[in-house]
C-alpha atoms as a PDB file:
ATOM      1  CA  UNK A   1     -42.612 -22.449  -6.060  1.00  0.00           C
ATOM      2  CA  UNK A   2     -42.380 -26.053  -6.770  1.00  0.00           C
ATOM      3  CA  UNK A   3     -39.409 -28.180  -6.378  1.00  0.00           C
ATOM      4  CA  UNK A   4     -39.303 -31.394  -7.531  1.00  0.00           C
ATOM      5  CA  UNK A   5     -36.003 -32.924  -6.361  1.00  0.00           C
ATOM      6  CA  UNK A   6     -34.721 -35.831  -8.776  1.00  0.00           C
ATOM      7  CA  UNK A   7     -32.052 -38.616  -8.167  1.00  0.00           C
ATOM      8  CA  UNK A   8     -30.222 -39.450 -10.807  1.00  0.00           C
ATOM      9  CA  UNK A   9     -30.661 -43.262 -12.915  1.00  0.00           C
ATOM     10  CA  UNK A  10     -28.488 -46.375 -11.497  1.00  0.00           C
ATOM     11  CA  UNK A  11     -24.866 -45.755 -11.821  1.00  0.00           C
ATOM     12  CA  UNK A  12     -22.291 -49.345 -12.033  1.00  0.00           C
ATOM     13  CA  UNK A  13     -20.710 -47.723  -8.613  1.00  0.00           C
ATOM     14  CA  UNK A  14     -24.986 -47.798  -7.370  1.00  0.00           C
ATOM     15  CA  UNK A  15     -24.665 -51.509  -7.995  1.00  0.00           C
ATOM     16  CA  UNK A  16     -21.461 -52.114  -6.321  1.00  0.00           C
ATOM     17  CA  UNK A  17     -23.258 -50.256  -3.304  1.00  0.00           C
ATOM     18  CA  UNK A  18     -19.705 -47.626  -3.341  1.00  0.00           C
ATOM     19  CA  UNK A  19     -19.350 -44.299  -1.999  1.00  0.00           C
ATOM     20  CA  UNK A  20     -18.534 -42.305  -5.728  1.00  0.00           C
ATOM     21  CA  UNK A  21     -19.087 -38.560  -4.964  1.00  0.00           C
ATOM     22  CA  UNK A  22     -15.821 -37.408  -7.690  1.00  0.00           C
ATOM     23  CA  UNK A  23     -16.392 -35.524 -10.615  1.00  0.00           C
ATOM     24  CA  UNK A  24     -17.233 -36.157 -13.426  1.00  0.00           C
ATOM     25  CA  UNK A  25     -18.094 -39.785 -11.916  1.00  0.00           C
ATOM     26  CA  UNK A  26     -19.346 -42.786 -13.695  1.00  0.00           C
ATOM     27  CA  UNK A  27     -22.302 -42.875 -16.648  1.00  0.00           C
ATOM     28  CA  UNK A  28     -25.569 -45.051 -16.146  1.00  0.00           C
ATOM     29  CA  UNK A  29     -26.145 -48.614 -16.384  1.00  0.00           C
ATOM     30  CA  UNK A  30     -28.619 -49.952 -19.224  1.00  0.00           C
ATOM     31  CA  UNK A  31     -31.153 -49.827 -16.084  1.00  0.00           C
ATOM     32  CA  UNK A  32     -30.018 -46.573 -15.565  1.00  0.00           C
ATOM     33  CA  UNK A  33     -30.439 -45.314 -19.091  1.00  0.00           C
ATOM     34  CA  UNK A  34     -33.929 -46.662 -18.813  1.00  0.00           C
ATOM     35  CA  UNK A  35     -34.483 -44.813 -15.899  1.00  0.00           C
ATOM     36  CA  UNK A  36     -34.095 -41.511 -16.976  1.00  0.00           C
ATOM     37  CA  UNK A  37     -35.781 -42.450 -20.566  1.00  0.00           C
ATOM     38  CA  UNK A  38     -39.188 -42.901 -18.243  1.00  0.00           C
ATOM     39  CA  UNK A  39     -39.350 -39.742 -16.327  1.00  0.00           C
ATOM     40  CA  UNK A  40     -40.427 -37.806 -19.231  1.00  0.00           C
ATOM     41  CA  UNK A  41     -43.655 -39.823 -18.676  1.00  0.00           C
ATOM     42  CA  UNK A  42     -43.272 -40.236 -15.104  1.00  0.00           C
ATOM     43  CA  UNK A  43     -43.341 -36.418 -14.874  1.00  0.00           C
ATOM     44  CA  UNK A  44     -46.302 -35.846 -17.123  1.00  0.00           C
ATOM     45  CA  UNK A  45     -48.534 -33.935 -14.491  1.00  0.00           C
ATOM     46  CA  UNK A  46     -45.866 -31.774 -13.752  1.00  0.00           C
ATOM     47  CA  UNK A  47     -45.718 -27.839 -15.680  1.00  0.00           C
ATOM     48  CA  UNK A  48     -41.680 -27.862 -15.723  1.00  0.00           C
ATOM     49  CA  UNK A  49     -40.267 -24.767 -16.733  1.00  0.00           C
ATOM     50  CA  UNK A  50     -36.709 -25.171 -15.632  1.00  0.00           C
ATOM     51  CA  UNK A  51     -34.678 -28.192 -15.223  1.00  0.00           C
ATOM     52  CA  UNK A  52     -31.272 -28.304 -13.286  1.00  0.00           C
ATOM     53  CA  UNK A  53     -28.728 -31.162 -13.002  1.00  0.00           C
ATOM     54  CA  UNK A  54     -25.267 -31.120 -11.283  1.00  0.00           C
ATOM     55  CA  UNK A  55     -21.962 -31.279 -13.138  1.00  0.00           C
ATOM     56  CA  UNK A  56     -21.441 -35.248 -12.895  1.00  0.00           C
ATOM     57  CA  UNK A  57     -22.021 -37.260 -15.842  1.00  0.00           C
ATOM     58  CA  UNK A  58     -24.928 -39.405 -14.439  1.00  0.00           C
ATOM     59  CA  UNK A  59     -27.051 -36.275 -13.618  1.00  0.00           C
ATOM     60  CA  UNK A  60     -26.505 -34.892 -17.162  1.00  0.00           C
ATOM     61  CA  UNK A  61     -27.505 -38.232 -18.366  1.00  0.00           C
ATOM     62  CA  UNK A  62     -30.149 -38.411 -16.499  1.00  0.00           C
ATOM     63  CA  UNK A  63     -31.779 -34.935 -17.621  1.00  0.00           C
ATOM     64  CA  UNK A  64     -31.200 -35.716 -21.165  1.00  0.00           C
ATOM     65  CA  UNK A  65     -34.335 -37.508 -22.129  1.00  0.00           C
ATOM     66  CA  UNK A  66     -36.604 -35.188 -19.898  1.00  0.00           C
ATOM     67  CA  UNK A  67     -34.715 -31.800 -21.619  1.00  0.00           C
ATOM     68  CA  UNK A  68     -35.113 -33.313 -25.055  1.00  0.00           C
ATOM     69  CA  UNK A  69     -38.682 -34.346 -24.188  1.00  0.00           C
ATOM     70  CA  UNK A  70     -39.796 -30.562 -22.774  1.00  0.00           C
ATOM     71  CA  UNK A  71     -37.736 -28.430 -25.009  1.00  0.00           C
ATOM     72  CA  UNK A  72     -35.597 -27.433 -21.755  1.00  0.00           C
ATOM     73  CA  UNK A  73     -31.734 -26.285 -21.661  1.00  0.00           C
ATOM     74  CA  UNK A  74     -30.122 -27.953 -18.892  1.00  0.00           C
ATOM     75  CA  UNK A  75     -29.158 -25.589 -16.359  1.00  0.00           C
ATOM     76  CA  UNK A  76     -25.663 -27.310 -15.044  1.00  0.00           C
ATOM     77  CA  UNK A  77     -24.792 -26.138 -11.337  1.00  0.00           C
ATOM     78  CA  UNK A  78     -21.952 -27.387  -8.988  1.00  0.00           C
ATOM     79  CA  UNK A  79     -24.023 -26.348  -5.686  1.00  0.00           C
ATOM     80  CA  UNK A  80     -26.445 -29.716  -6.399  1.00  0.00           C
ATOM     81  CA  UNK A  81     -23.596 -32.250  -6.870  1.00  0.00           C
ATOM     82  CA  UNK A  82     -23.484 -34.889  -4.179  1.00  0.00           C
ATOM     83  CA  UNK A  83     -22.063 -34.881  -0.849  1.00  0.00           C
ATOM     84  CA  UNK A  84     -18.414 -35.102  -1.365  1.00  0.00           C
ATOM     85  CA  UNK A  85     -16.818 -38.329   0.501  1.00  0.00           C
ATOM     86  CA  UNK A  86     -13.008 -36.937   0.459  1.00  0.00           C
ATOM     87  CA  UNK A  87     -11.259 -39.439   2.244  1.00  0.00           C
ATOM     88  CA  UNK A  88     -14.023 -41.868   2.282  1.00  0.00           C
ATOM     89  CA  UNK A  89     -14.346 -42.343  -1.812  1.00  0.00           C
ATOM     90  CA  UNK A  90     -15.392 -45.678  -3.318  1.00  0.00           C
ATOM     91  CA  UNK A  91     -15.778 -47.370   0.354  1.00  0.00           C
ATOM     92  CA  UNK A  92     -18.369 -49.785   0.678  1.00  0.00           C
ATOM     93  CA  UNK A  93     -21.502 -47.977   1.579  1.00  0.00           C
ATOM     94  CA  UNK A  94     -22.523 -50.801   4.341  1.00  0.00           C
ATOM     95  CA  UNK A  95     -18.967 -51.067   5.755  1.00  0.00           C
ATOM     96  CA  UNK A  96     -17.877 -48.513   9.037  1.00  0.00           C
ATOM     97  CA  UNK A  97     -16.769 -45.511   6.317  1.00  0.00           C
ATOM     98  CA  UNK A  98     -19.621 -45.580   4.625  1.00  0.00           C
ATOM     99  CA  UNK A  99     -21.902 -45.395   8.009  1.00  0.00           C
ATOM    100  CA  UNK A 100     -19.888 -42.540   9.357  1.00  0.00           C
ATOM    101  CA  UNK A 101     -20.473 -40.533   6.418  1.00  0.00           C
ATOM    102  CA  UNK A 102     -23.852 -41.046   6.159  1.00  0.00           C
ATOM    103  CA  UNK A 103     -24.174 -40.695  10.109  1.00  0.00           C
ATOM    104  CA  UNK A 104     -22.246 -37.209   9.277  1.00  0.00           C
ATOM    105  CA  UNK A 105     -24.737 -35.717   6.992  1.00  0.00           C
ATOM    106  CA  UNK A 106     -27.782 -36.515   8.739  1.00  0.00           C
ATOM    107  CA  UNK A 107     -26.105 -35.148  12.094  1.00  0.00           C
ATOM    108  CA  UNK A 108     -26.107 -31.375   9.725  1.00  0.00           C
ATOM    109  CA  UNK A 109     -29.682 -31.788   9.700  1.00  0.00           C
ATOM    110  CA  UNK A 110     -30.130 -31.585  12.838  1.00  0.00           C
ATOM    111  CA  UNK A 111     -28.048 -28.495  13.172  1.00  0.00           C
ATOM    112  CA  UNK A 112     -24.377 -30.478  13.688  1.00  0.00           C
ATOM    113  CA  UNK A 113     -23.122 -28.449  10.356  1.00  0.00           C
ATOM    114  CA  UNK A 114     -19.971 -28.339  11.750  1.00  0.00           C
ATOM    115  CA  UNK A 115     -19.247 -31.403  11.142  1.00  0.00           C
ATOM    116  CA  UNK A 116     -16.967 -32.432   8.286  1.00  0.00           C
ATOM    117  CA  UNK A 117     -16.555 -35.657   6.186  1.00  0.00           C
ATOM    118  CA  UNK A 118     -13.027 -36.678   6.325  1.00  0.00           C
ATOM    119  CA  UNK A 119     -11.284 -35.055   3.855  1.00  0.00           C
ATOM    120  CA  UNK A 120     -14.088 -33.690   2.373  1.00  0.00           C
ATOM    121  CA  UNK A 121     -16.987 -30.313   2.756  1.00  0.00           C
ATOM    122  CA  UNK A 122     -18.572 -29.533   6.437  1.00  0.00           C
ATOM    123  CA  UNK A 123     -22.400 -29.391   6.567  1.00  0.00           C
ATOM    124  CA  UNK A 124     -22.603 -25.647   6.219  1.00  0.00           C
ATOM    125  CA  UNK A 125     -20.534 -25.616   3.108  1.00  0.00           C
ATOM    126  CA  UNK A 126     -23.478 -27.933   1.781  1.00  0.00           C
ATOM    127  CA  UNK A 127     -25.931 -26.416   2.559  1.00  0.00           C
ATOM    128  CA  UNK A 128     -24.893 -23.215   1.484  1.00  0.00           C
ATOM    129  CA  UNK A 129     -24.073 -24.135  -2.006  1.00  0.00           C
ATOM    130  CA  UNK A 130     -27.312 -26.542  -1.995  1.00  0.00           C
ATOM    131  CA  UNK A 131     -29.585 -23.413  -1.098  1.00  0.00           C
ATOM    132  CA  UNK A 132     -27.978 -20.912  -3.402  1.00  0.00           C
ATOM    133  CA  UNK A 133     -29.054 -23.473  -6.692  1.00  0.00           C
ATOM    134  CA  UNK A 134     -32.667 -23.431  -5.247  1.00  0.00           C
ATOM    135  CA  UNK A 135     -32.620 -19.598  -4.516  1.00  0.00           C
ATOM    136  CA  UNK A 136     -31.445 -18.747  -7.718  1.00  0.00           C
ATOM    137  CA  UNK A 137     -34.214 -21.250  -9.305  1.00  0.00           C
ATOM    138  CA  UNK A 138     -36.656 -19.314  -7.141  1.00  0.00           C
ATOM    139  CA  UNK A 139     -35.264 -15.840  -8.204  1.00  0.00           C
ATOM    140  CA  UNK A 140     -36.120 -17.072 -11.844  1.00  0.00           C
ATOM    141  CA  UNK A 141     -40.216 -16.995 -11.257  1.00  0.00           C
ATOM    142  CA  UNK A 142     -40.157 -20.477 -12.538  1.00  0.00           C
ATOM    143  CA  UNK A 143     -43.383 -21.942 -11.158  1.00  0.00           C
ATOM    144  CA  UNK A 144     -41.712 -25.235 -11.272  1.00  0.00           C
ATOM    145  CA  UNK A 145     -38.173 -26.557 -11.504  1.00  0.00           C
ATOM    146  CA  UNK A 146     -36.430 -29.693 -11.618  1.00  0.00           C
ATOM    147  CA  UNK A 147     -33.272 -30.546 -10.445  1.00  0.00           C
ATOM    148  CA  UNK A 148     -31.541 -33.837 -11.272  1.00  0.00           C
ATOM    149  CA  UNK A 149     -29.396 -34.355  -7.827  1.00  0.00           C
ATOM    150  CA  UNK A 150     -28.377 -37.293  -5.799  1.00  0.00           C
ATOM    151  CA  UNK A 151     -29.285 -39.385  -2.828  1.00  0.00           C
ATOM    152  CA  UNK A 152     -27.689 -38.136  -0.014  1.00  0.00           C
ATOM    153  CA  UNK A 153     -27.543 -34.503  -0.778  1.00  0.00           C
ATOM    154  CA  UNK A 154     -31.604 -34.370  -1.377  1.00  0.00           C
ATOM    155  CA  UNK A 155     -31.870 -36.122   1.660  1.00  0.00           C
ATOM    156  CA  UNK A 156     -29.631 -34.346   3.771  1.00  0.00           C
ATOM    157  CA  UNK A 157     -31.155 -30.788   2.284  1.00  0.00           C
ATOM    158  CA  UNK A 158     -34.951 -31.641   2.621  1.00  0.00           C
ATOM    159  CA  UNK A 159     -34.317 -32.901   6.089  1.00  0.00           C
ATOM    160  CA  UNK A 160     -32.769 -30.062   7.166  1.00  0.00           C
ATOM    161  CA  UNK A 161     -34.811 -27.178   4.873  1.00  0.00           C
ATOM    162  CA  UNK A 162     -38.429 -29.008   4.753  1.00  0.00           C
ATOM    163  CA  UNK A 163     -40.465 -28.202   8.429  1.00  0.00           C
ATOM    164  CA  UNK A 164     -42.036 -31.136   8.070  1.00  0.00           C
ATOM    165  CA  UNK A 165     -39.306 -33.923   7.056  1.00  0.00           C
ATOM    166  CA  UNK A 166     -37.227 -34.771  10.514  1.00  0.00           C
ATOM    167  CA  UNK A 167     -33.656 -36.901  10.309  1.00  0.00           C
ATOM    168  CA  UNK A 168     -35.509 -40.156  11.369  1.00  0.00           C
ATOM    169  CA  UNK A 169     -38.031 -39.665   8.020  1.00  0.00           C
ATOM    170  CA  UNK A 170     -35.065 -38.843   5.615  1.00  0.00           C
ATOM    171  CA  UNK A 171     -32.910 -41.367   7.099  1.00  0.00           C
ATOM    172  CA  UNK A 172     -35.204 -44.549   6.995  1.00  0.00           C
ATOM    173  CA  UNK A 173     -36.083 -43.718   3.525  1.00  0.00           C
ATOM    174  CA  UNK A 174     -33.216 -44.521   0.971  1.00  0.00           C
ATOM    175  CA  UNK A 175     -34.538 -42.700  -2.357  1.00  0.00           C
ATOM    176  CA  UNK A 176     -34.334 -45.493  -5.384  1.00  0.00           C
ATOM    177  CA  UNK A 177     -32.236 -44.230  -8.967  1.00  0.00           C
ATOM    178  CA  UNK A 178     -34.623 -41.299 -10.379  1.00  0.00           C
ATOM    179  CA  UNK A 179     -36.951 -41.070  -6.912  1.00  0.00           C
ATOM    180  CA  UNK A 180     -38.314 -38.103  -6.486  1.00  0.00           C
ATOM    181  CA  UNK A 181     -39.423 -35.843  -3.772  1.00  0.00           C
ATOM    182  CA  UNK A 182     -41.607 -32.836  -4.299  1.00  0.00           C
ATOM    183  CA  UNK A 183     -41.826 -29.640  -2.170  1.00  0.00           C
ATOM    184  CA  UNK A 184     -43.527 -26.428  -2.406  1.00  0.00           C
ATOM    185  CA  UNK A 185     -42.442 -23.209  -0.521  1.00  0.00           C
ATOM    186  CA  UNK A 186     -39.884 -20.404  -0.946  1.00  0.00           C
ATOM    187  CA  UNK A 187     -36.506 -19.554   0.413  1.00  0.00           C
ATOM    188  CA  UNK A 188     -38.197 -17.008   2.783  1.00  0.00           C
ATOM    189  CA  UNK A 189     -41.136 -18.890   3.634  1.00  0.00           C
ATOM    190  CA  UNK A 190     -39.585 -21.663   3.903  1.00  0.00           C
ATOM    191  CA  UNK A 191     -40.544 -25.536   2.337  1.00  0.00           C
ATOM    192  CA  UNK A 192     -42.697 -28.391   2.965  1.00  0.00           C
ATOM    193  CA  UNK A 193     -42.007 -31.534   1.336  1.00  0.00           C
ATOM    194  CA  UNK A 194     -45.555 -33.357  -0.462  1.00  0.00           C
ATOM    195  CA  UNK A 195     -43.899 -36.354  -1.253  1.00  0.00           C
ATOM    196  CA  UNK A 196     -41.577 -38.648  -1.382  1.00  0.00           C
ATOM    197  CA  UNK A 197     -41.160 -41.181  -3.703  1.00  0.00           C
ATOM    198  CA  UNK A 198     -45.037 -40.996  -4.618  1.00  0.00           C
ATOM    199  CA  UNK A 199     -46.147 -41.191  -0.977  1.00  0.00           C
ATOM    200  CA  UNK A 200     -47.647 -38.279   0.627  1.00  0.00           C
ATOM    201  CA  UNK A 201     -45.467 -36.546   3.461  1.00  0.00           C
ATOM    202  CA  UNK A 202     -47.083 -36.132   7.126  1.00  0.00           C
ATOM    203  CA  UNK A 203     -46.056 -33.481   9.470  1.00  0.00           C
ATOM    204  CA  UNK A 204     -42.868 -34.578  10.875  1.00  0.00           C
ATOM    205  CA  UNK A 205     -43.239 -36.610  14.047  1.00  0.00           C
ATOM    206  CA  UNK A 206     -46.247 -38.373  13.187  1.00  0.00           C
ATOM    207  CA  UNK A 207     -44.970 -40.663  10.488  1.00  0.00           C
ATOM    208  CA  UNK A 208     -41.557 -41.273  10.465  1.00  0.00           C
ATOM    209  CA  UNK A 209     -39.970 -44.265  12.024  1.00  0.00           C
ATOM    210  CA  UNK A 210     -37.472 -44.784  14.422  1.00  0.00           C
ATOM    211  CA  UNK A 211     -33.941 -45.834  13.251  1.00  0.00           C
ATOM    212  CA  UNK A 212     -31.102 -44.706  10.787  1.00  0.00           C
ATOM    213  CA  UNK A 213     -30.868 -47.227   8.256  1.00  0.00           C
ATOM    214  CA  UNK A 214     -28.166 -46.077   6.028  1.00  0.00           C
ATOM    215  CA  UNK A 215     -27.353 -46.606   2.398  1.00  0.00           C
ATOM    216  CA  UNK A 216     -24.579 -45.789  -0.601  1.00  0.00           C
ATOM    217  CA  UNK A 217     -24.212 -42.044  -1.325  1.00  0.00           C
ATOM    218  CA  UNK A 218     -24.209 -41.577  -4.860  1.00  0.00           C
END
């Protein structure tokens, strides 16, 4: 299966760099609406057979133009929502609390899945719910699937599940609004990232820079 993981369009909380993960969450800014409207053309070469979105308002609004252009229904699944910020909700992304959030989620991709965001989820819980939606999509028989999801969730799942993406690579590459990570594979055979926001992904360890710049969730 070819899997397109797409971050939603810009929200007011993205502009303010806030950890905003609770449901239903904000809508899109005018720029976010324009980004969503541009998705059908941006993904014009992709033969998308199934379209998923998280329950949050911003992902459903982002999915709507693509769904209309392709004649697809939007399958809303809680499993691909953003990683809950718990007690850190609405804290600035570049505050100590925001940095703690992203350090925790990237530790999950290195195997420390028992760690928990304060008042929020553990790594095991997050990866299991995301895995379940991906497994559902794979079992459907669809050859190309798009999932409109969230920045931290996409990055940590890809770092945990793609054999050629490590934590240093994912942590150093924040996803822009409507940025796309393209993978291929299956739950049984594993996953390989083909591109990250349009750039080809090299094997893990060959191109990933050192350091872990942090950015806002959402």
